[in-house]
């Protein structure tokens, strides 16, 4: 395991981690029951390193990038992304999604707009966002505001 590595374990498969080095290892684990989609096979296990992912500019701005960590095909019911906001970078509008989101701040400091309220989030903060909740981010620090975002995708929400 190296810094920036990530793993998606296919439905029904187990996983095991062991730190054989002398340095402590930090592991962020998201556990979620897979929702199959008729006509599609379950996804396979997938791993990579965020340092090897080519980002895309978000909203056409060069100071906000999004890194897609997982495949985006219809077999996947989970999206996992890293958002990277340079100082001054922001969402250009308040957005809403029908899916729940989880956000874990990897570094920096930002103002996060959530359900008509602004709050400061910083490294190691976690934010859970419900469906249809207006949201947006603005980097307020002197270094990049970077967060990992999980999102349900390619499935209707449970009602």
N, C-alpha and C. Protein backbone atom coordinates (compact mmCIF):
# COMPACT_ATOMS: atom_id res chain seq x y z
N UNK A 1 0.85 -1.17 0.00
CA UNK A 1 0.00 0.00 0.00
C UNK A 1 0.90 1.24 0.00
N UNK A 2 0.52 2.21 -0.82
CA UNK A 2 1.23 3.48 -0.89
C UNK A 2 0.23 4.61 -0.72
N UNK A 3 0.69 5.80 -0.33
CA UNK A 3 -0.23 6.93 -0.20
C UNK A 3 -1.03 7.14 -1.49
N UNK A 4 -2.32 7.42 -1.34
CA UNK A 4 -3.18 7.68 -2.49
C UNK A 4 -3.82 6.46 -3.10
N UNK A 5 -3.51 5.27 -2.61
CA UNK A 5 -4.10 4.06 -3.18
C UNK A 5 -5.54 3.92 -2.71
N UNK A 6 -6.35 3.30 -3.57
CA UNK A 6 -7.75 3.05 -3.23
C UNK A 6 -8.18 1.70 -3.81
N UNK A 7 -9.25 1.16 -3.25
CA UNK A 7 -9.73 -0.17 -3.63
C UNK A 7 -11.24 -0.18 -3.58
N UNK A 8 -11.85 -0.72 -4.61
CA UNK A 8 -13.28 -1.02 -4.62
C UNK A 8 -13.37 -2.54 -4.64
N UNK A 9 -14.04 -3.11 -3.66
CA UNK A 9 -14.18 -4.56 -3.59
C UNK A 9 -15.53 -4.95 -4.17
N UNK A 10 -15.52 -5.87 -5.12
CA UNK A 10 -16.74 -6.31 -5.79
C UNK A 10 -17.72 -6.93 -4.80
N UNK A 11 -19.02 -6.81 -5.08
CA UNK A 11 -20.02 -7.41 -4.21
C UNK A 11 -19.73 -8.90 -3.97
N UNK A 12 -19.82 -9.32 -2.72
CA UNK A 12 -19.60 -10.71 -2.35
C UNK A 12 -18.16 -11.08 -2.11
N UNK A 13 -17.23 -10.19 -2.39
CA UNK A 13 -15.82 -10.47 -2.16
C UNK A 13 -15.38 -9.86 -0.84
N UNK A 14 -14.45 -10.50 -0.18
CA UNK A 14 -13.90 -9.97 1.06
C UNK A 14 -12.64 -9.17 0.80
N UNK A 15 -12.09 -8.62 1.86
CA UNK A 15 -10.82 -7.90 1.75
C UNK A 15 -10.10 -8.02 3.08
N UNK A 16 -8.80 -7.88 3.01
CA UNK A 16 -7.97 -7.96 4.22
C UNK A 16 -6.83 -6.98 4.06
N UNK A 17 -6.51 -6.27 5.14
CA UNK A 17 -5.41 -5.32 5.14
C UNK A 17 -4.44 -5.69 6.23
N UNK A 18 -3.17 -5.51 5.95
CA UNK A 18 -2.14 -5.76 6.94
C UNK A 18 -1.03 -4.75 6.74
N UNK A 19 -0.65 -4.08 7.80
CA UNK A 19 0.44 -3.12 7.73
C UNK A 19 1.70 -3.83 8.23
N UNK A 20 2.59 -4.13 7.32
CA UNK A 20 3.82 -4.82 7.68
C UNK A 20 4.99 -3.86 7.86
N UNK A 21 4.73 -2.57 7.65
CA UNK A 21 5.78 -1.57 7.82
C UNK A 21 5.82 -1.06 9.25
N UNK A 22 6.74 -0.16 9.49
CA UNK A 22 6.89 0.41 10.83
C UNK A 22 6.09 1.69 11.02
N UNK A 23 5.69 2.32 9.93
CA UNK A 23 4.91 3.56 10.00
C UNK A 23 3.42 3.23 10.11
N UNK A 24 2.67 4.06 10.84
CA UNK A 24 1.22 3.84 10.91
C UNK A 24 0.57 4.03 9.54
N UNK A 25 -0.51 3.32 9.31
CA UNK A 25 -1.25 3.42 8.07
C UNK A 25 -2.65 3.93 8.40
N UNK A 26 -3.14 4.88 7.63
CA UNK A 26 -4.49 5.38 7.80
C UNK A 26 -5.36 4.78 6.71
N UNK A 27 -6.51 4.26 7.10
CA UNK A 27 -7.43 3.63 6.17
C UNK A 27 -8.79 4.30 6.33
N UNK A 28 -9.36 4.75 5.25
CA UNK A 28 -10.70 5.30 5.23
C UNK A 28 -11.58 4.26 4.55
N UNK A 29 -12.58 3.77 5.24
CA UNK A 29 -13.41 2.68 4.75
C UNK A 29 -14.85 3.14 4.58
N UNK A 30 -15.41 2.91 3.41
CA UNK A 30 -16.82 3.15 3.15
C UNK A 30 -17.44 1.79 2.85
N UNK A 31 -18.44 1.45 3.61
CA UNK A 31 -19.11 0.17 3.42
C UNK A 31 -20.55 0.46 3.03
N UNK A 32 -20.98 -0.18 1.94
CA UNK A 32 -22.32 0.07 1.42
C UNK A 32 -22.81 -1.17 0.69
N UNK A 33 -24.05 -1.53 0.90
CA UNK A 33 -24.63 -2.69 0.23
C UNK A 33 -24.84 -2.36 -1.25
N UNK A 34 -24.39 -3.25 -2.13
CA UNK A 34 -24.50 -3.07 -3.56
C UNK A 34 -25.95 -3.21 -4.01
N UNK A 35 -26.38 -2.31 -4.90
CA UNK A 35 -27.72 -2.38 -5.48
C UNK A 35 -27.60 -2.83 -6.93
N UNK A 36 -27.99 -4.07 -7.23
CA UNK A 36 -27.88 -4.56 -8.61
C UNK A 36 -28.82 -3.79 -9.55
N UNK A 37 -28.50 -3.82 -10.82
CA UNK A 37 -29.33 -3.19 -11.84
C UNK A 37 -29.63 -4.25 -12.90
N UNK A 38 -30.90 -4.49 -13.14
CA UNK A 38 -31.32 -5.51 -14.09
C UNK A 38 -30.66 -5.29 -15.45
N UNK A 39 -30.10 -6.37 -16.00
CA UNK A 39 -29.45 -6.31 -17.29
C UNK A 39 -27.95 -6.03 -17.24
N UNK A 40 -27.41 -5.81 -16.03
CA UNK A 40 -25.98 -5.52 -15.88
C UNK A 40 -25.36 -6.46 -14.86
N UNK A 41 -24.17 -6.96 -15.18
CA UNK A 41 -23.42 -7.77 -14.22
C UNK A 41 -22.87 -6.87 -13.12
N UNK A 42 -22.65 -7.45 -11.96
CA UNK A 42 -22.01 -6.71 -10.87
C UNK A 42 -20.60 -6.32 -11.30
N UNK A 43 -20.11 -5.18 -10.84
CA UNK A 43 -18.76 -4.76 -11.21
C UNK A 43 -17.69 -5.67 -10.59
N UNK A 44 -16.55 -5.65 -11.19
CA UNK A 44 -15.38 -6.38 -10.67
C UNK A 44 -14.66 -5.49 -9.66
N UNK A 45 -13.77 -6.11 -8.88
CA UNK A 45 -12.93 -5.32 -7.97
C UNK A 45 -12.04 -4.39 -8.79
N UNK A 46 -11.70 -3.27 -8.20
CA UNK A 46 -10.95 -2.25 -8.91
C UNK A 46 -10.03 -1.53 -7.93
N UNK A 47 -8.81 -1.27 -8.33
CA UNK A 47 -7.91 -0.50 -7.47
C UNK A 47 -7.05 0.42 -8.32
N UNK A 48 -6.50 1.41 -7.66
CA UNK A 48 -5.64 2.36 -8.36
C UNK A 48 -4.97 3.29 -7.37
N UNK A 49 -4.30 4.30 -7.90
CA UNK A 49 -3.67 5.32 -7.08
C UNK A 49 -4.11 6.68 -7.61
N UNK A 50 -4.61 7.51 -6.72
CA UNK A 50 -5.11 8.83 -7.12
C UNK A 50 -4.05 9.65 -7.85
N UNK A 51 -2.78 9.42 -7.54
CA UNK A 51 -1.70 10.17 -8.20
C UNK A 51 -1.60 9.84 -9.69
N UNK A 52 -2.19 8.74 -10.11
CA UNK A 52 -2.13 8.34 -11.52
C UNK A 52 -3.39 8.70 -12.30
N UNK A 53 -4.37 9.29 -11.65
CA UNK A 53 -5.63 9.65 -12.30
C UNK A 53 -5.50 11.03 -12.93
N UNK A 54 -5.90 11.16 -14.18
CA UNK A 54 -5.86 12.44 -14.88
C UNK A 54 -7.14 13.20 -14.54
N UNK A 55 -7.02 14.40 -13.96
CA UNK A 55 -8.22 15.14 -13.57
C UNK A 55 -8.87 15.85 -14.76
N UNK A 56 -10.12 16.26 -14.55
CA UNK A 56 -10.79 17.13 -15.51
C UNK A 56 -11.11 18.44 -14.82
N UNK A 57 -11.06 19.53 -15.58
CA UNK A 57 -11.45 20.83 -15.02
C UNK A 57 -12.95 20.83 -14.82
N UNK A 58 -13.37 21.32 -13.67
CA UNK A 58 -14.78 21.37 -13.34
C UNK A 58 -15.33 22.75 -13.70
N UNK A 59 -16.50 22.79 -14.29
CA UNK A 59 -17.16 24.03 -14.67
C UNK A 59 -16.32 24.85 -15.64
N UNK A 60 -15.37 24.21 -16.35
CA UNK A 60 -14.53 24.92 -17.30
C UNK A 60 -13.46 25.79 -16.65
N UNK A 61 -13.28 25.65 -15.33
CA UNK A 61 -12.31 26.48 -14.61
C UNK A 61 -11.03 25.68 -14.37
N UNK A 62 -9.89 26.34 -14.51
CA UNK A 62 -8.62 25.66 -14.31
C UNK A 62 -8.24 25.53 -12.84
N UNK A 63 -8.97 26.20 -11.95
CA UNK A 63 -8.61 26.14 -10.52
C UNK A 63 -9.49 25.17 -9.72
N UNK A 64 -10.32 24.38 -10.42
CA UNK A 64 -11.12 23.34 -9.77
C UNK A 64 -11.06 22.09 -10.63
N UNK A 65 -10.55 21.00 -10.04
CA UNK A 65 -10.44 19.74 -10.77
C UNK A 65 -11.23 18.64 -10.06
N UNK A 66 -11.68 17.66 -10.88
CA UNK A 66 -12.35 16.47 -10.36
C UNK A 66 -11.60 15.25 -10.90
N UNK A 67 -11.32 14.32 -9.99
CA UNK A 67 -10.65 13.07 -10.32
C UNK A 67 -11.67 11.94 -10.17
N UNK A 68 -11.96 11.22 -11.25
CA UNK A 68 -12.85 10.06 -11.20
C UNK A 68 -12.02 8.86 -10.76
N UNK A 69 -12.32 8.30 -9.60
CA UNK A 69 -11.53 7.18 -9.10
C UNK A 69 -12.07 5.83 -9.54
N UNK A 70 -13.36 5.74 -9.81
CA UNK A 70 -13.97 4.46 -10.18
C UNK A 70 -14.56 4.54 -11.58
N UNK A 71 -14.72 3.39 -12.23
CA UNK A 71 -15.39 3.39 -13.54
C UNK A 71 -16.80 4.00 -13.42
N UNK A 72 -17.29 4.54 -14.51
CA UNK A 72 -18.58 5.23 -14.48
C UNK A 72 -19.66 4.46 -15.23
N UNK A 73 -19.42 3.19 -15.57
CA UNK A 73 -20.42 2.44 -16.33
C UNK A 73 -21.62 2.09 -15.44
N UNK A 74 -22.70 1.65 -16.07
CA UNK A 74 -23.97 1.41 -15.38
C UNK A 74 -23.92 0.28 -14.35
N UNK A 75 -22.90 -0.57 -14.38
CA UNK A 75 -22.82 -1.62 -13.37
C UNK A 75 -22.50 -1.05 -11.99
N UNK A 76 -21.88 0.13 -11.97
CA UNK A 76 -21.48 0.75 -10.70
C UNK A 76 -22.66 1.48 -10.06
N UNK A 77 -22.83 1.28 -8.76
CA UNK A 77 -23.86 2.03 -8.02
C UNK A 77 -23.22 3.05 -7.09
N UNK A 78 -21.91 3.22 -7.22
CA UNK A 78 -21.16 4.13 -6.36
C UNK A 78 -20.17 4.92 -7.20
N UNK A 79 -20.17 6.21 -7.00
CA UNK A 79 -19.16 7.06 -7.61
C UNK A 79 -18.20 7.54 -6.52
N UNK A 80 -16.93 7.62 -6.83
CA UNK A 80 -15.92 8.08 -5.87
C UNK A 80 -15.02 9.05 -6.61
N UNK A 81 -14.88 10.24 -6.04
CA UNK A 81 -14.17 11.34 -6.71
C UNK A 81 -13.30 12.07 -5.70
N UNK A 82 -12.25 12.70 -6.21
CA UNK A 82 -11.50 13.68 -5.44
C UNK A 82 -11.74 15.03 -6.10
N UNK A 83 -12.13 16.02 -5.31
CA UNK A 83 -12.28 17.39 -5.78
C UNK A 83 -11.12 18.20 -5.24
N UNK A 84 -10.53 19.00 -6.10
CA UNK A 84 -9.31 19.75 -5.79
C UNK A 84 -9.58 21.21 -6.14
N UNK A 85 -9.74 22.05 -5.12
CA UNK A 85 -10.01 23.47 -5.31
C UNK A 85 -8.76 24.26 -4.98
N UNK A 86 -8.20 24.96 -5.95
CA UNK A 86 -7.09 25.88 -5.69
C UNK A 86 -7.66 27.06 -4.89
N UNK A 87 -6.81 27.82 -4.18
CA UNK A 87 -7.32 29.01 -3.47
C UNK A 87 -8.17 29.88 -4.40
N UNK A 88 -9.37 30.21 -3.94
CA UNK A 88 -10.32 30.99 -4.73
C UNK A 88 -11.23 30.15 -5.60
N UNK A 89 -10.93 28.87 -5.76
CA UNK A 89 -11.77 27.99 -6.57
C UNK A 89 -13.09 27.71 -5.87
N UNK A 90 -14.16 27.56 -6.65
CA UNK A 90 -15.47 27.35 -6.04
C UNK A 90 -16.43 26.68 -7.02
N UNK A 91 -17.53 26.16 -6.47
CA UNK A 91 -18.65 25.80 -7.32
C UNK A 91 -19.21 27.09 -7.89
N UNK A 92 -19.69 27.07 -9.10
CA UNK A 92 -20.20 28.30 -9.72
C UNK A 92 -21.67 28.52 -9.42
N UNK A 93 -22.31 27.55 -8.78
CA UNK A 93 -23.72 27.66 -8.42
C UNK A 93 -24.01 26.63 -7.33
N UNK A 94 -25.11 26.81 -6.61
CA UNK A 94 -25.54 25.80 -5.64
C UNK A 94 -26.19 24.67 -6.43
N UNK A 95 -25.70 23.46 -6.23
CA UNK A 95 -26.22 22.32 -6.97
C UNK A 95 -27.00 21.39 -6.04
N UNK A 96 -27.86 20.60 -6.61
CA UNK A 96 -28.57 19.57 -5.86
C UNK A 96 -28.48 18.27 -6.62
N UNK A 97 -28.53 17.18 -5.88
CA UNK A 97 -28.51 15.84 -6.48
C UNK A 97 -29.56 15.00 -5.80
N UNK A 98 -30.06 14.02 -6.52
CA UNK A 98 -31.05 13.13 -5.90
C UNK A 98 -30.38 12.09 -5.02
N UNK A 99 -29.06 11.98 -5.08
CA UNK A 99 -28.34 10.98 -4.30
C UNK A 99 -27.80 11.55 -3.00
N UNK A 100 -27.59 10.65 -2.04
CA UNK A 100 -26.85 11.01 -0.84
C UNK A 100 -25.37 11.10 -1.19
N UNK A 101 -24.64 11.91 -0.44
CA UNK A 101 -23.21 12.09 -0.64
C UNK A 101 -22.50 11.96 0.70
N UNK A 102 -21.27 11.53 0.66
CA UNK A 102 -20.39 11.60 1.82
C UNK A 102 -19.12 12.32 1.40
N UNK A 103 -18.65 13.24 2.23
CA UNK A 103 -17.46 14.03 1.89
C UNK A 103 -16.48 13.95 3.05
N UNK A 104 -15.23 13.60 2.73
CA UNK A 104 -14.16 13.56 3.72
C UNK A 104 -13.06 14.51 3.25
N UNK A 105 -12.72 15.51 4.07
CA UNK A 105 -11.74 16.51 3.66
C UNK A 105 -10.33 15.95 3.86
N UNK A 106 -9.59 15.87 2.76
CA UNK A 106 -8.22 15.34 2.77
C UNK A 106 -7.20 16.40 3.16
N UNK A 107 -7.44 17.65 2.75
CA UNK A 107 -6.49 18.71 3.07
C UNK A 107 -7.15 20.07 2.83
N UNK A 108 -6.58 21.08 3.44
CA UNK A 108 -7.01 22.45 3.22
C UNK A 108 -8.23 22.83 4.05
N UNK A 109 -8.80 23.96 3.65
CA UNK A 109 -9.94 24.52 4.36
C UNK A 109 -10.88 25.16 3.35
N UNK A 110 -12.17 24.92 3.55
CA UNK A 110 -13.15 25.50 2.64
C UNK A 110 -14.41 25.89 3.35
N UNK A 111 -15.15 26.78 2.71
CA UNK A 111 -16.50 27.10 3.16
C UNK A 111 -17.41 26.21 2.35
N UNK A 112 -18.28 25.48 3.03
CA UNK A 112 -19.18 24.56 2.34
C UNK A 112 -20.62 25.01 2.56
N UNK A 113 -21.34 25.16 1.47
CA UNK A 113 -22.74 25.55 1.50
C UNK A 113 -23.58 24.29 1.51
N UNK A 114 -24.42 24.16 2.52
CA UNK A 114 -25.23 22.96 2.66
C UNK A 114 -26.58 23.35 3.25
N UNK A 115 -27.62 23.15 2.47
CA UNK A 115 -29.00 23.40 2.91
C UNK A 115 -29.18 24.81 3.46
N UNK A 116 -28.74 25.81 2.69
CA UNK A 116 -28.89 27.23 3.02
C UNK A 116 -28.03 27.70 4.19
N UNK A 117 -26.97 26.96 4.53
CA UNK A 117 -26.04 27.37 5.58
C UNK A 117 -24.60 27.21 5.08
N UNK A 118 -23.74 28.15 5.45
CA UNK A 118 -22.31 28.05 5.16
C UNK A 118 -21.60 27.61 6.43
N UNK A 119 -20.66 26.68 6.31
CA UNK A 119 -19.83 26.29 7.45
C UNK A 119 -18.42 26.01 6.94
N UNK A 120 -17.46 26.10 7.83
CA UNK A 120 -16.07 25.85 7.48
C UNK A 120 -15.79 24.36 7.68
N UNK A 121 -15.15 23.75 6.70
CA UNK A 121 -14.68 22.38 6.85
C UNK A 121 -13.20 22.35 6.55
N UNK A 122 -12.49 21.48 7.27
CA UNK A 122 -11.03 21.41 7.14
C UNK A 122 -10.59 19.95 7.21
N UNK A 123 -9.31 19.76 7.05
CA UNK A 123 -8.73 18.42 7.00
C UNK A 123 -9.31 17.51 8.11
N UNK A 124 -9.68 16.30 7.70
CA UNK A 124 -10.24 15.24 8.55
C UNK A 124 -11.69 15.45 8.95
N UNK A 125 -12.36 16.50 8.44
CA UNK A 125 -13.79 16.65 8.69
C UNK A 125 -14.56 15.73 7.75
N UNK A 126 -15.73 15.29 8.21
CA UNK A 126 -16.62 14.46 7.41
C UNK A 126 -17.98 15.13 7.36
N UNK A 127 -18.59 15.16 6.18
CA UNK A 127 -19.91 15.76 5.99
C UNK A 127 -20.78 14.76 5.24
N UNK A 128 -21.98 14.53 5.75
CA UNK A 128 -22.95 13.68 5.05
C UNK A 128 -24.06 14.57 4.52
N UNK A 129 -24.38 14.43 3.22
CA UNK A 129 -25.38 15.27 2.58
C UNK A 129 -26.55 14.42 2.12
N UNK A 130 -27.74 14.82 2.48
CA UNK A 130 -28.94 14.10 2.07
C UNK A 130 -29.32 14.42 0.64
N UNK A 131 -30.25 13.65 0.08
CA UNK A 131 -30.71 13.93 -1.28
C UNK A 131 -31.42 15.28 -1.38
N UNK A 132 -31.28 15.90 -2.52
CA UNK A 132 -31.93 17.17 -2.85
C UNK A 132 -31.51 18.33 -1.95
N UNK A 133 -30.38 18.21 -1.30
CA UNK A 133 -29.88 19.26 -0.42
C UNK A 133 -28.96 20.19 -1.23
N UNK A 134 -29.29 21.49 -1.34
CA UNK A 134 -28.41 22.42 -2.06
C UNK A 134 -27.01 22.43 -1.44
N UNK A 135 -25.99 22.46 -2.31
CA UNK A 135 -24.62 22.39 -1.81
C UNK A 135 -23.65 23.09 -2.75
N UNK A 136 -22.49 23.44 -2.20
CA UNK A 136 -21.44 24.07 -2.98
C UNK A 136 -20.22 24.29 -2.10
N UNK A 137 -19.08 24.52 -2.72
CA UNK A 137 -17.83 24.67 -1.96
C UNK A 137 -17.04 25.86 -2.48
N UNK A 138 -16.24 26.44 -1.56
CA UNK A 138 -15.36 27.56 -1.89
C UNK A 138 -14.08 27.39 -1.07
N UNK A 139 -12.93 27.38 -1.73
CA UNK A 139 -11.65 27.27 -1.03
C UNK A 139 -11.35 28.59 -0.36
N UNK A 140 -11.22 28.57 0.97
CA UNK A 140 -10.98 29.82 1.70
C UNK A 140 -9.56 29.91 2.26
N UNK A 141 -8.81 28.85 2.20
CA UNK A 141 -7.46 28.86 2.76
C UNK A 141 -6.42 29.30 1.75
N UNK A 142 -5.17 29.25 2.17
CA UNK A 142 -4.05 29.64 1.31
C UNK A 142 -3.46 28.45 0.58
N UNK A 143 -3.97 27.26 0.89
CA UNK A 143 -3.53 26.07 0.16
C UNK A 143 -4.77 25.37 -0.38
N UNK A 144 -4.62 24.42 -1.29
CA UNK A 144 -5.78 23.79 -1.91
C UNK A 144 -6.70 23.10 -0.89
N UNK A 145 -7.98 23.15 -1.20
CA UNK A 145 -9.05 22.48 -0.46
C UNK A 145 -9.35 21.20 -1.23
N UNK A 146 -9.08 20.06 -0.62
CA UNK A 146 -9.17 18.78 -1.32
C UNK A 146 -10.07 17.86 -0.53
N UNK A 147 -11.08 17.30 -1.20
CA UNK A 147 -11.93 16.35 -0.49
C UNK A 147 -12.29 15.16 -1.36
N UNK A 148 -12.54 14.07 -0.68
CA UNK A 148 -12.99 12.82 -1.29
C UNK A 148 -14.50 12.80 -1.19
N UNK A 149 -15.18 12.51 -2.28
CA UNK A 149 -16.64 12.51 -2.29
C UNK A 149 -17.14 11.16 -2.78
N UNK A 150 -18.04 10.57 -2.02
CA UNK A 150 -18.73 9.36 -2.47
C UNK A 150 -20.15 9.75 -2.82
N UNK A 151 -20.70 9.07 -3.83
CA UNK A 151 -22.06 9.41 -4.26
C UNK A 151 -22.72 8.16 -4.82
N UNK A 152 -23.96 7.94 -4.39
CA UNK A 152 -24.75 6.89 -5.04
C UNK A 152 -24.93 7.32 -6.48
N UNK A 153 -24.90 6.37 -7.42
CA UNK A 153 -25.08 6.75 -8.82
C UNK A 153 -25.74 5.61 -9.60
N UNK A 154 -26.27 5.95 -10.75
CA UNK A 154 -26.86 5.00 -11.69
C UNK A 154 -28.03 4.18 -11.14
N UNK A 155 -28.62 4.63 -10.05
CA UNK A 155 -29.76 3.94 -9.46
C UNK A 155 -30.75 4.98 -8.97
N UNK A 156 -32.03 4.62 -8.96
CA UNK A 156 -33.03 5.50 -8.35
C UNK A 156 -32.85 5.44 -6.84
N UNK A 157 -33.19 6.52 -6.16
CA UNK A 157 -33.11 6.53 -4.71
C UNK A 157 -34.27 5.74 -4.12
N UNK A 158 -34.06 5.18 -2.94
CA UNK A 158 -35.11 4.47 -2.24
C UNK A 158 -36.08 5.49 -1.65
N UNK A 159 -37.36 5.25 -1.81
CA UNK A 159 -38.35 6.15 -1.22
C UNK A 159 -39.27 5.38 -0.29
